[in-house]
Amino acid sequence: MNASSVQREEPIQFAGSVLSARPHICGFFNSEDEEYRVTLPFIKEGLDRGEKAFHVVSAREREEHLRRMASAGIEVSKGGVAG
């Protein structure tokens, strides 16, 4: 077992709750602002732990999505962000 698989077995936080290892989540939001407020900390924590993320965003929403991620302290200028 390598270090990254050990990290993935640890609980992660989402919306004020601690989730068990390998959770599945679904959320309904009243606004885009609420969606980002709730999900960005979850995304950042996962990336900080070495998890991978795949985001499907329309071309017209891409810059705003990257801006919001950067404002949460998520590095978006590396080669991992697809164009």
C-alpha atoms as a PDB file:
ATOM      1  CA  MET A   1       0.000   0.000   0.000  1.00  0.00           C
ATOM      2  CA  ASN A   2       1.541   3.347  -0.993  1.00  0.00           C
ATOM      3  CA  ALA A   3       1.213   6.692   0.802  1.00  0.00           C
ATOM      4  CA  SER A   4      -1.407   8.075  -1.588  1.00  0.00           C
ATOM      5  CA  SER A   5      -3.738   5.107  -1.095  1.00  0.00           C
ATOM      6  CA  VAL A   6      -3.391   5.487   2.686  1.00  0.00           C
ATOM      7  CA  GLN A   7      -4.396   9.146   2.427  1.00  0.00           C
ATOM      8  CA  ARG A   8      -7.510   8.238   0.463  1.00  0.00           C
ATOM      9  CA  GLU A   9      -8.705   6.015   3.296  1.00  0.00           C
ATOM     10  CA  GLU A  10      -8.898   8.996   5.658  1.00  0.00           C
ATOM     11  CA  PRO A  11     -12.203  10.789   6.229  1.00  0.00           C
ATOM     12  CA  ILE A  12     -12.798  14.090   4.414  1.00  0.00           C
ATOM     13  CA  GLN A  13     -15.006  17.069   5.298  1.00  0.00           C
ATOM     14  CA  PHE A  14     -17.965  18.261   3.271  1.00  0.00           C
ATOM     15  CA  ALA A  15     -20.462  20.963   4.250  1.00  0.00           C
ATOM     16  CA  GLY A  16     -19.601  20.778   7.932  1.00  0.00           C
ATOM     17  CA  SER A  17     -19.755  16.965   8.152  1.00  0.00           C
ATOM     18  CA  VAL A  18     -16.988  14.385   8.201  1.00  0.00           C
ATOM     19  CA  LEU A  19     -17.455  11.772   5.486  1.00  0.00           C
ATOM     20  CA  SER A  20     -16.031   8.282   5.555  1.00  0.00           C
ATOM     21  CA  ALA A  21     -13.395   7.134   3.097  1.00  0.00           C
ATOM     22  CA  ARG A  22     -14.421   7.100  -0.583  1.00  0.00           C
ATOM     23  CA  PRO A  23     -17.724   8.926  -0.179  1.00  0.00           C
ATOM     24  CA  HIS A  24     -20.177   9.838  -2.893  1.00  0.00           C
ATOM     25  CA  ILE A  25     -21.924  13.171  -2.603  1.00  0.00           C
ATOM     26  CA  CYS A  26     -24.812  14.884  -4.313  1.00  0.00           C
ATOM     27  CA  GLY A  27     -25.881  18.443  -3.671  1.00  0.00           C
ATOM     28  CA  PHE A  28     -28.682  20.766  -4.643  1.00  0.00           C
ATOM     29  CA  PHE A  29     -27.969  24.469  -4.394  1.00  0.00           C
ATOM     30  CA  ASN A  30     -30.045  27.629  -4.555  1.00  0.00           C
ATOM     31  CA  SER A  31     -27.351  29.607  -6.365  1.00  0.00           C
ATOM     32  CA  GLU A  32     -23.955  29.311  -7.988  1.00  0.00           C
ATOM     33  CA  ASP A  33     -22.443  31.238  -5.067  1.00  0.00           C
ATOM     34  CA  GLU A  34     -23.850  28.706  -2.595  1.00  0.00           C
ATOM     35  CA  GLU A  35     -22.548  25.815  -4.709  1.00  0.00           C
ATOM     36  CA  TYR A  36     -18.992  27.189  -4.734  1.00  0.00           C
ATOM     37  CA  ARG A  37     -19.117  28.156  -1.039  1.00  0.00           C
ATOM     38  CA  VAL A  38     -19.973  24.556  -0.133  1.00  0.00           C
ATOM     39  CA  THR A  39     -17.895  22.638  -2.669  1.00  0.00           C
ATOM     40  CA  LEU A  40     -14.620  24.582  -2.919  1.00  0.00           C
ATOM     41  CA  PRO A  41     -13.331  23.604   0.552  1.00  0.00           C
ATOM     42  CA  PHE A  42     -14.116  19.947  -0.274  1.00  0.00           C
ATOM     43  CA  ILE A  43     -12.312  20.181  -3.621  1.00  0.00           C
ATOM     44  CA  LYS A  44      -9.308  21.933  -2.071  1.00  0.00           C
ATOM     45  CA  GLU A  45      -8.988  19.427   0.770  1.00  0.00           C
ATOM     46  CA  GLY A  46      -9.086  16.535  -1.691  1.00  0.00           C
ATOM     47  CA  LEU A  47      -6.466  18.100  -3.972  1.00  0.00           C
ATOM     48  CA  ASP A  48      -4.247  18.914  -0.978  1.00  0.00           C
ATOM     49  CA  ARG A  49      -4.424  15.211  -0.037  1.00  0.00           C
ATOM     50  CA  GLY A  50      -3.330  14.161  -3.517  1.00  0.00           C
ATOM     51  CA  GLU A  51      -6.773  13.224  -4.800  1.00  0.00           C
ATOM     52  CA  LYS A  52      -7.616  13.862  -8.441  1.00  0.00           C
ATOM     53  CA  ALA A  53     -10.509  15.959  -9.698  1.00  0.00           C
ATOM     54  CA  PHE A  54     -12.239  16.174 -13.059  1.00  0.00           C
ATOM     55  CA  HIS A  55     -14.415  19.213 -13.729  1.00  0.00           C
ATOM     56  CA  VAL A  56     -16.632  19.578 -16.776  1.00  0.00           C
ATOM     57  CA  VAL A  57     -17.273  23.278 -17.357  1.00  0.00           C
ATOM     58  CA  SER A  58     -18.659  25.019 -20.422  1.00  0.00           C
ATOM     59  CA  ALA A  59     -16.286  27.277 -22.345  1.00  0.00           C
ATOM     60  CA  ARG A  60     -18.241  30.378 -21.323  1.00  0.00           C
ATOM     61  CA  GLU A  61     -17.984  29.450 -17.609  1.00  0.00           C
ATOM     62  CA  ARG A  62     -14.334  28.329 -17.642  1.00  0.00           C
ATOM     63  CA  GLU A  63     -12.674  31.615 -16.624  1.00  0.00           C
ATOM     64  CA  GLU A  64     -15.150  32.191 -13.788  1.00  0.00           C
ATOM     65  CA  HIS A  65     -14.642  28.616 -12.557  1.00  0.00           C
ATOM     66  CA  LEU A  66     -10.850  29.058 -12.576  1.00  0.00           C
ATOM     67  CA  ARG A  67     -11.178  32.416 -10.810  1.00  0.00           C
ATOM     68  CA  ARG A  68     -13.317  30.921  -8.056  1.00  0.00           C
ATOM     69  CA  MET A  69     -10.942  27.991  -7.622  1.00  0.00           C
ATOM     70  CA  ALA A  70      -7.940  30.331  -7.417  1.00  0.00           C
ATOM     71  CA  SER A  71      -9.765  32.494  -4.852  1.00  0.00           C
ATOM     72  CA  ALA A  72     -10.067  29.366  -2.661  1.00  0.00           C
ATOM     73  CA  GLY A  73      -6.306  28.831  -2.824  1.00  0.00           C
ATOM     74  CA  ILE A  74      -6.405  26.131  -5.489  1.00  0.00           C
ATOM     75  CA  GLU A  75      -3.474  26.261  -7.911  1.00  0.00           C
ATOM     76  CA  VAL A  76      -4.926  26.610 -11.413  1.00  0.00           C
ATOM     77  CA  SER A  77      -1.898  27.736 -13.415  1.00  0.00           C
ATOM     78  CA  LYS A  78      -0.174  24.339 -13.561  1.00  0.00           C
ATOM     79  CA  GLY A  79      -0.411  22.081 -16.603  1.00  0.00           C
ATOM     80  CA  GLY A  80      -3.130  20.019 -14.914  1.00  0.00           C
ATOM     81  CA  VAL A  81      -5.815  22.523 -15.861  1.00  0.00           C
ATOM     82  CA  ALA A  82      -7.078  21.568 -19.311  1.00  0.00           C
ATOM     83  CA  GLY A  83      -7.966  24.159 -21.893  1.00  0.00           C
END
